[in-house]
Amino acid sequence: MKIKIIKKIKWNNKGLIPVITQDIFTKKILMLAWMNKKSLEKTIKNKEAFYWSRKRKEIWYKGKNSGCIQKVYNIYLDCDKDCLLLIVKQILNYSCHTGKKTCFYNKIL
């Protein structure tokens, strides 16, 4: 991601931006999480997903405990510059803490 674009990010009042994570192969949306500037910088540097835990108030490395690491291939900033899209290769079979492949399994309509 170009540095010029990063500087244009519109962080919310808590210094966070929502992040949609999509599987590079299946194109399924895996999860929605949050990043702060440091977690985004770590993600860019390591090419693996680091998010901000709003509950624990700390950066968390996706897959640290579960082994379900997300290798980052692309990062996109949306047109309003207030949401990110991570294109990842999901290591192991799930991204959700419930053990599901995706966090979006509760169908409403």
C-alpha atoms as a PDB file:
ATOM      1  CA  MET A   1       0.000   0.000   0.000  1.00  0.00           C
ATOM      2  CA  LYS A   2       1.400   3.361  -0.952  1.00  0.00           C
ATOM      3  CA  ILE A   3       2.379   5.671   1.895  1.00  0.00           C
ATOM      4  CA  LYS A   4       0.396   8.542   0.340  1.00  0.00           C
ATOM      5  CA  ILE A   5      -2.781   6.486   0.536  1.00  0.00           C
ATOM      6  CA  ILE A   6      -2.156   5.444   4.152  1.00  0.00           C
ATOM      7  CA  LYS A   7      -1.875   9.089   5.168  1.00  0.00           C
ATOM      8  CA  LYS A   8      -5.358   9.701   3.718  1.00  0.00           C
ATOM      9  CA  ILE A   9      -7.082   7.095   5.913  1.00  0.00           C
ATOM     10  CA  LYS A  10     -10.018   8.491   7.866  1.00  0.00           C
ATOM     11  CA  TRP A  11      -9.630   6.861  11.273  1.00  0.00           C
ATOM     12  CA  ASN A  12     -12.677   6.977  13.547  1.00  0.00           C
ATOM     13  CA  ASN A  13     -12.669   8.968  16.790  1.00  0.00           C
ATOM     14  CA  LYS A  14     -10.939   6.033  18.545  1.00  0.00           C
ATOM     15  CA  GLY A  15      -8.175   5.862  15.937  1.00  0.00           C
ATOM     16  CA  LEU A  16      -9.592   2.734  14.308  1.00  0.00           C
ATOM     17  CA  ILE A  17     -10.731   1.643  10.858  1.00  0.00           C
ATOM     18  CA  PRO A  18     -12.986  -1.346  10.037  1.00  0.00           C
ATOM     19  CA  VAL A  19     -11.354  -4.112   8.015  1.00  0.00           C
ATOM     20  CA  ILE A  20     -13.179  -6.620   5.838  1.00  0.00           C
ATOM     21  CA  THR A  21     -11.133  -9.770   5.223  1.00  0.00           C
ATOM     22  CA  GLN A  22     -11.697 -11.806   2.055  1.00  0.00           C
ATOM     23  CA  ASP A  23     -10.257 -15.164   0.996  1.00  0.00           C
ATOM     24  CA  ILE A  24      -8.096 -14.825  -2.120  1.00  0.00           C
ATOM     25  CA  PHE A  25      -9.260 -18.148  -3.594  1.00  0.00           C
ATOM     26  CA  THR A  26     -12.923 -18.584  -2.599  1.00  0.00           C
ATOM     27  CA  LYS A  27     -13.707 -14.833  -2.547  1.00  0.00           C
ATOM     28  CA  LYS A  28     -15.742 -15.446   0.635  1.00  0.00           C
ATOM     29  CA  ILE A  29     -15.843 -12.708   3.237  1.00  0.00           C
ATOM     30  CA  LEU A  30     -14.125 -14.249   6.240  1.00  0.00           C
ATOM     31  CA  MET A  31     -14.537 -11.634   8.915  1.00  0.00           C
ATOM     32  CA  LEU A  32     -14.827  -8.010   9.934  1.00  0.00           C
ATOM     33  CA  ALA A  33     -12.295  -6.668  12.400  1.00  0.00           C
ATOM     34  CA  TRP A  34     -10.632  -3.387  13.320  1.00  0.00           C
ATOM     35  CA  MET A  35      -7.143  -1.957  12.905  1.00  0.00           C
ATOM     36  CA  ASN A  36      -5.323   0.983  14.356  1.00  0.00           C
ATOM     37  CA  LYS A  37      -2.289   2.578  12.718  1.00  0.00           C
ATOM     38  CA  LYS A  38       0.210   0.255  14.425  1.00  0.00           C
ATOM     39  CA  SER A  39      -1.652  -2.920  13.528  1.00  0.00           C
ATOM     40  CA  LEU A  40      -1.900  -1.752   9.904  1.00  0.00           C
ATOM     41  CA  GLU A  41       1.829  -1.009   9.855  1.00  0.00           C
ATOM     42  CA  LYS A  42       2.593  -4.496  11.288  1.00  0.00           C
ATOM     43  CA  THR A  43       0.285  -6.077   8.706  1.00  0.00           C
ATOM     44  CA  ILE A  44       2.034  -4.271   5.839  1.00  0.00           C
ATOM     45  CA  LYS A  45       5.506  -5.071   7.174  1.00  0.00           C
ATOM     46  CA  ASN A  46       4.877  -8.771   7.926  1.00  0.00           C
ATOM     47  CA  LYS A  47       2.321  -9.500   5.178  1.00  0.00           C
ATOM     48  CA  GLU A  48       0.224 -11.284   7.818  1.00  0.00           C
ATOM     49  CA  ALA A  49      -2.908  -9.960   9.510  1.00  0.00           C
ATOM     50  CA  PHE A  50      -2.664  -8.020  12.760  1.00  0.00           C
ATOM     51  CA  TYR A  51      -5.860  -6.499  14.149  1.00  0.00           C
ATOM     52  CA  TRP A  52      -6.863  -4.298  17.075  1.00  0.00           C
ATOM     53  CA  SER A  53      -8.919  -5.986  19.769  1.00  0.00           C
ATOM     54  CA  ARG A  54     -11.487  -3.493  21.023  1.00  0.00           C
ATOM     55  CA  LYS A  55     -12.288  -5.814  23.930  1.00  0.00           C
ATOM     56  CA  ARG A  56      -8.704  -6.400  25.112  1.00  0.00           C
ATOM     57  CA  LYS A  57      -7.418  -3.030  23.863  1.00  0.00           C
ATOM     58  CA  GLU A  58      -4.348  -4.571  22.246  1.00  0.00           C
ATOM     59  CA  ILE A  59      -2.980  -5.666  18.882  1.00  0.00           C
ATOM     60  CA  TRP A  60      -3.631  -9.319  18.126  1.00  0.00           C
ATOM     61  CA  TYR A  61      -1.862 -11.451  15.585  1.00  0.00           C
ATOM     62  CA  LYS A  62      -4.492 -13.468  13.741  1.00  0.00           C
ATOM     63  CA  GLY A  63      -3.757 -17.145  14.318  1.00  0.00           C
ATOM     64  CA  LYS A  64      -1.297 -16.733  17.175  1.00  0.00           C
ATOM     65  CA  ASN A  65      -3.168 -19.260  19.317  1.00  0.00           C
ATOM     66  CA  SER A  66      -5.175 -21.172  16.715  1.00  0.00           C
ATOM     67  CA  GLY A  67      -2.627 -21.414  13.896  1.00  0.00           C
ATOM     68  CA  CYS A  68      -5.228 -19.912  11.541  1.00  0.00           C
ATOM     69  CA  ILE A  69      -2.861 -17.270  10.181  1.00  0.00           C
ATOM     70  CA  GLN A  70      -3.926 -14.932   7.389  1.00  0.00           C
ATOM     71  CA  LYS A  71      -1.238 -14.304   4.754  1.00  0.00           C
ATOM     72  CA  VAL A  72      -1.964 -10.873   3.246  1.00  0.00           C
ATOM     73  CA  TYR A  73      -1.752 -10.512  -0.537  1.00  0.00           C
ATOM     74  CA  ASN A  74      -3.466  -7.157  -1.077  1.00  0.00           C
ATOM     75  CA  ILE A  75      -4.892  -4.285   0.928  1.00  0.00           C
ATOM     76  CA  TYR A  76      -7.431  -1.880  -0.521  1.00  0.00           C
ATOM     77  CA  LEU A  77      -8.781   1.381   0.877  1.00  0.00           C
ATOM     78  CA  ASP A  78     -12.372   2.155  -0.072  1.00  0.00           C
ATOM     79  CA  CYS A  79     -13.512   5.290  -1.923  1.00  0.00           C
ATOM     80  CA  ASP A  80     -14.469   7.122   1.292  1.00  0.00           C
ATOM     81  CA  LYS A  81     -11.097   6.176   2.810  1.00  0.00           C
ATOM     82  CA  ASP A  82     -12.783   4.837   5.960  1.00  0.00           C
ATOM     83  CA  CYS A  83     -12.710   1.056   5.429  1.00  0.00           C
ATOM     84  CA  LEU A  84     -10.036  -1.459   4.426  1.00  0.00           C
ATOM     85  CA  LEU A  85     -10.299  -4.703   2.488  1.00  0.00           C
ATOM     86  CA  LEU A  86      -7.658  -7.368   3.133  1.00  0.00           C
ATOM     87  CA  ILE A  87      -7.229 -10.101   0.549  1.00  0.00           C
ATOM     88  CA  VAL A  88      -5.738 -13.075   2.365  1.00  0.00           C
ATOM     89  CA  LYS A  89      -4.811 -16.710   2.098  1.00  0.00           C
ATOM     90  CA  GLN A  90      -6.394 -18.323   5.143  1.00  0.00           C
ATOM     91  CA  ILE A  91      -4.018 -20.859   6.684  1.00  0.00           C
ATOM     92  CA  LEU A  92      -5.869 -23.847   8.154  1.00  0.00           C
ATOM     93  CA  ASN A  93      -9.563 -24.193   7.596  1.00  0.00           C
ATOM     94  CA  TYR A  94     -11.258 -21.418   9.553  1.00  0.00           C
ATOM     95  CA  SER A  95     -11.108 -17.733  10.398  1.00  0.00           C
ATOM     96  CA  CYS A  96     -13.874 -17.487  13.019  1.00  0.00           C
ATOM     97  CA  HIS A  97     -13.202 -18.115  16.704  1.00  0.00           C
ATOM     98  CA  THR A  98     -16.224 -20.483  16.647  1.00  0.00           C
ATOM     99  CA  GLY A  99     -14.357 -22.848  14.330  1.00  0.00           C
ATOM    100  CA  LYS A 100     -16.350 -21.858  11.243  1.00  0.00           C
ATOM    101  CA  LYS A 101     -14.666 -21.005   7.936  1.00  0.00           C
ATOM    102  CA  THR A 102     -16.217 -17.521   8.016  1.00  0.00           C
ATOM    103  CA  CYS A 103     -17.768 -15.348  10.711  1.00  0.00           C
ATOM    104  CA  PHE A 104     -20.767 -14.802   8.420  1.00  0.00           C
ATOM    105  CA  TYR A 105     -22.744 -18.030   8.846  1.00  0.00           C
ATOM    106  CA  ASN A 106     -25.900 -16.692  10.557  1.00  0.00           C
ATOM    107  CA  LYS A 107     -28.248 -16.283   7.591  1.00  0.00           C
ATOM    108  CA  ILE A 108     -31.041 -13.743   8.051  1.00  0.00           C
ATOM    109  CA  LEU A 109     -32.581 -13.501   4.568  1.00  0.00           C
END
